[in-house]
């Protein structure tokens, strides 16, 4: 099993996701430092931070479609090359930001570049591994990749925020060299040889009720993840203050939460192999997520330590990300697989934009005036949506990947 699973595709996909997560979380770590140095203070640190995060997520929405379509038309490996090249350039430019406008542009470009990594990697891994080992391979990609958050946390403690971005760009450049040894999926090569077959047709997702429902289900089952990460964890200092706990650092909360997420992905991946089901494990973790979010918002924590522990529990509860991205790859045929597998996680991440705006509006003095109340309302919606989307979803654990969509 070790020889079959730990091949070049799995290793490179895992390293690509590692770089993806490094940058995705780095902004959360350096948000306050970078914006303060650029001349912002007070409420602007929250509002401008939300806005920059939204620009990044908007870029991931665009990139999710762009790289997904190209992955089905030109190949999974090519997307892995070009997306990381754009990411590397954008990250280096982030280190030269002089104000909000260019910072927002660089976050947009970084978002577009990052959008291709996970989907293309998961698509490639799901096609090169046998179905009995597919879950193990995607679990390794997710768990190894998520440790990029811990590296970003360590780097942020020892380097200036601009240097942190330069390091991220350098990691991307190094990854380009490693990718020389990665071969294209044999399943894709077979489909590519059929010149009459429609590949990477994004609009085809909307021309069939069945395809559209499958696509929407795949997106919405991941909604709660980005409420937990993008609101509860990223803005942990604000939630801590609301609970009377001062001195909470977002960087520490993110690192602790991602430690829990790594463990959660490992457990959910192994559990899905044991239960031979993706859907059942998703349901279990969504229920755990519901309990963890309710506890986080309700319990009057007595100390910063207890509050930090709750972030670990939150992270573990959304440790179904490996199951989520694997389902996206398994639900569609080879001629649409990259399009869906790449766009789905990025559309789910992009849900953070309306989530952020709803949270920002509801916490304003004119509405609830409370981050806790706003968290309850937004959280309830974000947890109901995935549970409804999961209901009736077909399990894909035993599905062979060598099939096409009839477009």
Protein backbone atom coordinates (compact mmCIF):
# COMPACT_ATOMS: atom_id res chain seq x y z
CA UNK A 1 0.00 0.00 0.00
CA UNK A 2 2.80 2.37 0.88
CA UNK A 3 4.35 2.04 -2.58
CA UNK A 4 1.00 2.58 -4.31
CA UNK A 5 -0.07 5.57 -2.24
CA UNK A 6 3.17 7.50 -1.74
CA UNK A 7 3.83 8.21 -5.42
CA UNK A 8 4.97 11.44 -7.08
CA UNK A 9 1.42 12.67 -7.71
CA UNK A 10 0.44 12.39 -4.04
CA UNK A 11 3.66 14.00 -2.80
CA UNK A 12 3.49 16.92 -5.23
CA UNK A 13 -0.25 17.47 -4.63
CA UNK A 14 0.38 17.49 -0.87
CA UNK A 15 3.23 20.01 -1.22
CA UNK A 16 1.07 22.17 -3.49
CA UNK A 17 -1.70 22.23 -0.90
CA UNK A 18 0.95 22.93 1.76
CA UNK A 19 1.94 26.11 -0.08
CA UNK A 20 -1.74 26.93 -0.67
CA UNK A 21 -2.55 26.77 3.05
CA UNK A 22 0.64 28.63 4.00
CA UNK A 23 -0.47 31.67 2.04
CA UNK A 24 -4.18 31.35 2.79
CA UNK A 25 -3.47 31.46 6.52
CA UNK A 26 -0.51 33.82 6.40
CA UNK A 27 -2.75 36.81 5.78
CA UNK A 28 -4.69 35.97 8.93
CA UNK A 29 -1.44 35.89 10.89
CA UNK A 30 -0.05 39.17 9.54
CA UNK A 31 -3.36 41.04 9.07
CA UNK A 32 -2.95 43.36 12.05
CA UNK A 33 0.82 43.84 11.66
CA UNK A 34 0.70 44.61 7.96
CA UNK A 35 -2.32 46.91 8.08
CA UNK A 36 -0.93 48.77 11.10
CA UNK A 37 2.36 49.39 9.27
CA UNK A 38 0.40 50.58 6.24
CA UNK A 39 -1.30 53.24 8.40
CA UNK A 40 -4.58 51.66 9.53
CA UNK A 41 -5.86 51.40 13.08
CA UNK A 42 -8.95 50.76 15.21
CA UNK A 43 -12.02 49.48 13.37
CA UNK A 44 -10.14 49.66 10.05
CA UNK A 45 -8.02 46.71 11.15
CA UNK A 46 -11.19 44.60 11.14
CA UNK A 47 -13.02 46.19 8.20
CA UNK A 48 -10.02 46.44 5.86
CA UNK A 49 -8.99 42.95 6.92
CA UNK A 50 -12.41 41.62 5.95
CA UNK A 51 -12.25 43.50 2.65
CA UNK A 52 -8.79 42.15 1.75
CA UNK A 53 -9.92 38.67 2.68
CA UNK A 54 -12.91 39.13 0.37
CA UNK A 55 -10.63 40.16 -2.53
CA UNK A 56 -8.59 37.01 -1.97
CA UNK A 57 -11.71 34.87 -1.92
CA UNK A 58 -13.08 36.57 -5.04
CA UNK A 59 -9.81 35.67 -6.77
CA UNK A 60 -10.27 32.06 -5.69
CA UNK A 61 -13.76 32.06 -7.21
CA UNK A 62 -12.37 33.25 -10.54
CA UNK A 63 -9.43 30.88 -10.35
CA UNK A 64 -11.65 27.96 -9.40
CA UNK A 65 -13.47 28.22 -12.71
CA UNK A 66 -10.39 29.12 -14.78
CA UNK A 67 -8.10 26.35 -13.55
CA UNK A 68 -10.89 23.78 -13.36
CA UNK A 69 -11.81 24.26 -17.02
CA UNK A 70 -8.16 24.29 -18.09
CA UNK A 71 -7.57 21.11 -16.08
CA UNK A 72 -10.16 19.27 -18.13
CA UNK A 73 -9.07 20.81 -21.43
CA UNK A 74 -5.28 20.88 -21.10
CA UNK A 75 -4.49 18.48 -18.28
CA UNK A 76 -4.21 18.32 -14.51
CA UNK A 77 -0.42 18.67 -14.39
CA UNK A 78 -0.35 21.85 -16.50
CA UNK A 79 -2.73 23.51 -14.05
CA UNK A 80 -0.44 22.56 -11.18
CA UNK A 81 2.44 24.32 -12.98
CA UNK A 82 0.75 27.55 -14.05
CA UNK A 83 -1.33 28.12 -10.93
CA UNK A 84 1.70 27.87 -8.63
CA UNK A 85 3.69 30.18 -10.93
CA UNK A 86 1.01 32.88 -10.61
CA UNK A 87 0.77 32.32 -6.87
CA UNK A 88 4.55 32.69 -6.46
CA UNK A 89 4.62 35.98 -8.36
CA UNK A 90 1.63 37.36 -6.45
CA UNK A 91 3.07 36.41 -3.09
CA UNK A 92 6.34 38.16 -3.83
CA UNK A 93 4.37 41.26 -4.89
CA UNK A 94 2.46 41.11 -1.58
CA UNK A 95 5.74 41.77 0.15
CA UNK A 96 6.01 45.09 -1.71
CA UNK A 97 2.49 46.37 -0.84
CA UNK A 98 2.43 50.11 -0.04
CA UNK A 99 -1.28 50.67 0.65
CA UNK A 100 -4.73 49.15 0.61
CA UNK A 101 -5.25 49.35 -3.18
CA UNK A 102 -2.18 47.43 -4.31
CA UNK A 103 -2.48 45.06 -1.32
CA UNK A 104 -6.00 44.19 -2.50
CA UNK A 105 -4.78 43.63 -6.08
CA UNK A 106 -2.01 41.30 -4.92
CA UNK A 107 -4.42 39.33 -2.71
CA UNK A 108 -6.74 38.99 -5.71
CA UNK A 109 -3.90 37.62 -7.88
CA UNK A 110 -2.75 35.31 -5.09
CA UNK A 111 -6.30 34.01 -4.75
CA UNK A 112 -6.50 33.25 -8.47
CA UNK A 113 -3.18 31.40 -8.36
CA UNK A 114 -3.96 29.42 -5.22
CA UNK A 115 -7.33 28.30 -6.58
CA UNK A 116 -5.81 25.67 -8.86
CA UNK A 117 -3.74 23.76 -6.34
CA UNK A 118 -6.13 21.65 -4.31
CA UNK A 119 -8.63 20.76 -7.03
CA UNK A 120 -6.05 19.80 -9.64
CA UNK A 121 -4.06 17.83 -7.07
CA UNK A 122 -7.07 15.92 -5.75
CA UNK A 123 -8.27 15.22 -9.30
CA UNK A 124 -4.87 13.82 -10.27
CA UNK A 125 -4.58 11.70 -7.12
CA UNK A 126 -8.13 10.33 -7.44
CA UNK A 127 -7.36 9.20 -11.00
CA UNK A 128 -3.94 7.63 -10.50
CA UNK A 129 -4.78 5.59 -7.37
CA UNK A 130 -7.04 2.51 -7.21
CA UNK A 131 -10.41 3.17 -5.56
CA UNK A 132 -9.45 1.16 -2.47
CA UNK A 133 -6.52 3.53 -1.85
CA UNK A 134 -8.09 6.77 -3.15
CA UNK A 135 -9.31 7.91 0.26
CA UNK A 136 -5.88 7.31 1.81
CA UNK A 137 -4.19 9.32 -0.95
CA UNK A 138 -6.51 12.32 -0.62
CA UNK A 139 -6.20 12.11 3.18
CA UNK A 140 -2.41 12.38 2.89
CA UNK A 141 -2.74 15.38 0.57
CA UNK A 142 -5.05 17.14 3.02
CA UNK A 143 -3.24 16.34 6.27
CA UNK A 144 0.25 17.09 4.93
CA UNK A 145 -0.98 20.21 3.15
CA UNK A 146 -2.70 21.62 6.23
CA UNK A 147 0.60 21.69 8.11
CA UNK A 148 1.41 24.71 5.93
CA UNK A 149 -0.64 26.68 8.44
CA UNK A 150 1.77 25.72 11.22
CA UNK A 151 4.78 26.76 9.14
CA UNK A 152 3.14 30.13 8.47
CA UNK A 153 2.56 30.53 12.21
CA UNK A 154 6.21 29.80 13.02
CA UNK A 155 7.54 32.02 10.20
CA UNK A 156 5.33 34.92 11.30
CA UNK A 157 6.88 34.82 14.78
CA UNK A 158 10.43 35.28 13.50
CA UNK A 159 10.22 37.36 10.34
CA UNK A 160 8.83 40.70 9.21
CA UNK A 161 5.44 40.35 7.50
CA UNK A 162 6.93 41.31 4.12
CA UNK A 163 9.60 38.61 4.45
CA UNK A 164 6.87 36.07 5.25
CA UNK A 165 5.32 36.75 1.85
CA UNK A 166 8.72 36.50 0.13
CA UNK A 167 9.26 33.10 1.78
CA UNK A 168 5.87 31.94 0.48
CA UNK A 169 6.82 33.00 -3.04
CA UNK A 170 10.12 31.18 -2.73
CA UNK A 171 8.36 27.98 -1.62
CA UNK A 172 6.22 28.19 -4.74
CA UNK A 173 9.25 28.54 -6.99
CA UNK A 174 10.89 25.50 -5.35
CA UNK A 175 7.70 23.51 -5.88
CA UNK A 176 7.80 24.23 -9.61
CA UNK A 177 11.11 22.36 -9.79
CA UNK A 178 9.72 19.31 -7.94
CA UNK A 179 6.81 19.05 -10.36
CA UNK A 180 9.02 18.12 -13.30
CA UNK A 181 8.76 14.43 -12.33
CA UNK A 182 4.95 14.29 -12.22
CA UNK A 183 3.20 12.44 -15.06
CA UNK A 184 -0.29 13.18 -16.35
CA UNK A 185 -3.24 10.98 -15.36
CA UNK A 186 -3.70 7.99 -17.66
CA UNK A 187 -7.47 8.34 -17.39
CA UNK A 188 -7.23 11.93 -18.63
CA UNK A 189 -4.94 10.88 -21.51
CA UNK A 190 -7.59 8.43 -22.71
CA UNK A 191 -10.27 11.11 -22.65
CA UNK A 192 -7.93 13.65 -24.28
CA UNK A 193 -7.47 11.30 -27.24
CA UNK A 194 -11.21 11.52 -27.98
CA UNK A 195 -11.31 14.78 -29.95
CA UNK A 196 -15.11 14.77 -30.25
CA UNK A 197 -15.73 14.66 -26.49
CA UNK A 198 -16.75 17.88 -24.73
CA UNK A 199 -14.29 18.58 -21.89
CA UNK A 200 -14.18 21.34 -19.29
CA UNK A 201 -17.56 22.80 -20.29
CA UNK A 202 -18.42 24.79 -17.16
CA UNK A 203 -21.83 25.80 -18.53
CA UNK A 204 -22.74 22.11 -18.85
CA UNK A 205 -23.12 22.09 -15.07
CA UNK A 206 -26.19 24.31 -15.53
CA UNK A 207 -27.82 22.57 -18.51
CA UNK A 208 -28.86 19.47 -16.57
CA UNK A 209 -30.90 19.49 -13.37
CA UNK A 210 -29.04 16.41 -12.12
CA UNK A 211 -25.59 17.92 -12.74
CA UNK A 212 -26.58 21.26 -11.22
CA UNK A 213 -27.94 19.64 -8.06
CA UNK A 214 -24.82 17.49 -7.69
CA UNK A 215 -22.64 20.57 -8.17
CA UNK A 216 -24.56 22.67 -5.63
CA UNK A 217 -24.60 19.85 -3.09
CA UNK A 218 -20.82 19.51 -3.39
CA UNK A 219 -20.38 23.25 -2.73
CA UNK A 220 -22.85 23.67 0.10
CA UNK A 221 -21.68 20.74 2.23
CA UNK A 222 -18.52 22.77 2.89
CA UNK A 223 -20.27 25.99 3.97
CA UNK A 224 -19.72 25.66 7.71
CA UNK A 225 -15.95 25.26 7.31
CA UNK A 226 -15.45 28.81 6.18
CA UNK A 227 -17.76 30.26 8.79
CA UNK A 228 -15.68 28.54 11.46
CA UNK A 229 -12.31 29.48 9.96
CA UNK A 230 -13.15 32.83 8.39
CA UNK A 231 -15.22 34.25 11.24
CA UNK A 232 -14.87 32.42 14.55
CA UNK A 233 -11.15 31.72 14.27
CA UNK A 234 -9.86 34.65 12.19
CA UNK A 235 -11.64 37.09 14.48
CA UNK A 236 -10.96 35.25 17.72
CA UNK A 237 -9.55 38.41 19.39
CA UNK A 238 -12.91 40.12 18.90
CA UNK A 239 -14.82 37.09 20.22
CA UNK A 240 -12.43 36.79 23.16
CA UNK A 241 -12.95 40.44 24.05
CA UNK A 242 -16.72 39.98 23.88
CA UNK A 243 -16.33 37.17 26.44
CA UNK A 244 -14.14 39.32 28.67
CA UNK A 245 -10.88 37.63 27.69
CA UNK A 246 -8.13 40.00 26.57
CA UNK A 247 -4.83 39.20 24.88
CA UNK A 248 -6.13 36.59 22.43
CA UNK A 249 -3.89 36.46 19.35
CA UNK A 250 -5.46 35.47 16.03
CA UNK A 251 -2.19 33.80 14.96
CA UNK A 252 -2.25 31.49 17.99
CA UNK A 253 -5.93 30.70 17.55
CA UNK A 254 -5.41 29.85 13.86
CA UNK A 255 -2.41 27.60 14.59
CA UNK A 256 -4.28 25.77 17.35
CA UNK A 257 -7.41 25.39 15.22
CA UNK A 258 -5.41 24.01 12.29
CA UNK A 259 -3.73 21.52 14.59
CA UNK A 260 -7.22 20.27 15.39
CA UNK A 261 -8.16 20.36 11.70
CA UNK A 262 -5.16 18.22 10.76
CA UNK A 263 -6.15 15.62 13.35
CA UNK A 264 -9.77 15.82 12.21
CA UNK A 265 -8.83 15.21 8.58
CA UNK A 266 -6.71 12.24 9.59
CA UNK A 267 -9.55 10.76 11.66
CA UNK A 268 -12.27 11.45 9.07
CA UNK A 269 -10.13 9.99 6.27
CA UNK A 270 -9.40 6.79 8.18
CA UNK A 271 -12.99 6.59 9.39
CA UNK A 272 -14.32 6.82 5.84
CA UNK A 273 -12.03 3.95 4.81
CA UNK A 274 -13.25 1.85 7.73
CA UNK A 275 -16.94 2.68 7.20
CA UNK A 276 -16.54 2.60 3.39
CA UNK A 277 -18.60 5.76 3.17
CA UNK A 278 -17.96 9.47 2.59
CA UNK A 279 -21.52 10.66 3.30
CA UNK A 280 -21.88 9.00 6.72
CA UNK A 281 -18.60 10.49 7.94
CA UNK A 282 -19.60 13.93 6.62
CA UNK A 283 -22.85 13.69 8.58
CA UNK A 284 -21.03 12.73 11.79
CA UNK A 285 -18.59 15.63 11.52
CA UNK A 286 -21.30 18.17 10.65
CA UNK A 287 -23.16 17.21 13.82
CA UNK A 288 -19.91 17.54 15.79
CA UNK A 289 -19.39 20.94 14.16
CA UNK A 290 -22.85 22.04 15.29
CA UNK A 291 -22.02 21.12 18.89
CA UNK A 292 -18.57 22.76 18.76
CA UNK A 293 -19.90 26.07 17.37
CA UNK A 294 -22.72 26.19 19.93
CA UNK A 295 -20.23 25.56 22.75
CA UNK A 296 -17.81 28.20 21.45
CA UNK A 297 -20.47 30.91 21.36
CA UNK A 298 -22.28 29.90 24.58
CA UNK A 299 -19.70 28.84 27.17
CA UNK A 300 -18.34 31.67 29.39
CA UNK A 301 -14.69 30.63 29.28
CA UNK A 302 -12.79 31.37 32.47
CA UNK A 303 -9.35 31.81 30.91
CA UNK A 304 -7.47 32.35 27.67
CA UNK A 305 -6.24 28.75 27.84
CA UNK A 306 -9.79 27.37 27.88
CA UNK A 307 -10.72 29.68 25.02
CA UNK A 308 -7.75 28.51 22.96
CA UNK A 309 -8.69 24.86 23.59
CA UNK A 310 -12.14 25.59 22.13
CA UNK A 311 -10.38 26.57 18.88
CA UNK A 312 -8.74 23.15 18.72
CA UNK A 313 -12.19 21.56 19.08
CA UNK A 314 -13.58 23.84 16.37
CA UNK A 315 -10.74 22.89 14.06
CA UNK A 316 -11.26 19.18 14.67
CA UNK A 317 -15.00 19.54 13.98
CA UNK A 318 -14.36 20.90 10.48
CA UNK A 319 -11.76 18.23 9.78
CA UNK A 320 -14.03 16.79 7.10
CA UNK A 321 -12.30 18.91 4.41
CA UNK A 322 -10.54 15.82 3.03
CA UNK A 323 -13.92 14.09 2.65
CA UNK A 324 -15.45 17.22 1.15
CA UNK A 325 -12.86 17.62 -1.63
CA UNK A 326 -12.80 13.89 -2.38
CA UNK A 327 -16.57 13.85 -2.85
CA UNK A 328 -16.27 16.70 -5.36
CA UNK A 329 -13.79 14.70 -7.45
CA UNK A 330 -15.82 11.49 -7.28
CA UNK A 331 -19.24 12.92 -8.16
CA UNK A 332 -18.41 13.78 -11.81
CA UNK A 333 -16.97 12.09 -14.90
CA UNK A 334 -13.46 12.58 -16.25
CA UNK A 335 -14.48 15.24 -18.79
CA UNK A 336 -15.85 17.48 -16.01
CA UNK A 337 -13.92 16.20 -12.99
CA UNK A 338 -11.26 18.90 -12.82
CA UNK A 339 -13.83 21.61 -13.50
CA UNK A 340 -15.88 20.49 -10.51
CA UNK A 341 -13.09 19.38 -8.17
CA UNK A 342 -11.29 22.72 -8.61
CA UNK A 343 -14.29 25.03 -8.58
CA UNK A 344 -16.13 23.36 -5.67
CA UNK A 345 -13.59 24.02 -2.87
CA UNK A 346 -13.03 27.53 -4.19
CA UNK A 347 -16.75 28.27 -4.42
CA UNK A 348 -17.05 26.95 -0.87
CA UNK A 349 -14.18 29.22 0.17
CA UNK A 350 -15.85 32.03 -1.78
CA UNK A 351 -18.92 31.61 0.42
CA UNK A 352 -16.80 33.42 2.97
CA UNK A 353 -17.52 36.69 1.15
CA UNK A 354 -21.29 36.74 1.85
CA UNK A 355 -20.62 35.15 5.24
CA UNK A 356 -18.20 37.95 6.13
CA UNK A 357 -20.56 40.65 4.89
CA UNK A 358 -23.51 39.17 6.78
CA UNK A 359 -21.41 38.94 9.95
CA UNK A 360 -20.12 42.49 9.49
CA UNK A 361 -23.67 43.82 9.02
CA UNK A 362 -25.21 41.89 11.91
CA UNK A 363 -22.51 42.87 14.42
CA UNK A 364 -22.88 46.57 13.63
CA UNK A 365 -24.36 48.83 16.37
CA UNK A 366 -27.43 49.47 14.20
CA UNK A 367 -28.38 45.76 14.21
CA UNK A 368 -27.20 43.53 17.11
CA UNK A 369 -24.09 45.41 18.20
CA UNK A 370 -22.60 42.08 19.28
CA UNK A 371 -20.18 39.67 17.63
CA UNK A 372 -21.70 36.84 19.69
CA UNK A 373 -25.25 37.50 18.48
CA UNK A 374 -24.04 37.90 14.91
CA UNK A 375 -22.13 34.62 15.28
CA UNK A 376 -25.26 32.79 16.41
CA UNK A 377 -27.33 34.00 13.45
CA UNK A 378 -24.73 33.48 10.72
CA UNK A 379 -23.60 30.20 12.26
CA UNK A 380 -27.14 28.78 12.32
CA UNK A 381 -27.54 29.44 8.59
CA UNK A 382 -24.08 28.09 7.75
CA UNK A 383 -24.74 24.83 9.61
CA UNK A 384 -28.26 24.23 8.30
CA UNK A 385 -27.19 24.62 4.65
CA UNK A 386 -24.64 21.71 4.58
CA UNK A 387 -26.96 19.37 6.49
CA UNK A 388 -29.72 19.99 3.94
CA UNK A 389 -27.26 19.61 1.02
CA UNK A 390 -25.95 16.31 2.37
CA UNK A 391 -29.42 14.83 2.73
CA UNK A 392 -29.96 12.33 -0.08
CA UNK A 393 -26.45 12.69 -1.57
CA UNK A 394 -25.20 9.51 -3.24
CA UNK A 395 -22.15 7.90 -1.66
CA UNK A 396 -19.14 7.61 -3.97
CA UNK A 397 -16.70 5.51 -1.97
CA UNK A 398 -16.77 2.51 -4.36
CA UNK A 399 -17.15 4.48 -7.60
CA UNK A 400 -14.64 3.91 -10.40
CA UNK A 401 -13.16 7.11 -11.86
CA UNK A 402 -12.99 5.87 -15.45
CA UNK A 403 -16.31 7.26 -16.71
CA UNK A 404 -17.50 10.39 -18.52
CA UNK A 405 -20.45 12.77 -18.28
CA UNK A 406 -22.97 12.60 -21.11
CA UNK A 407 -23.05 16.24 -22.22
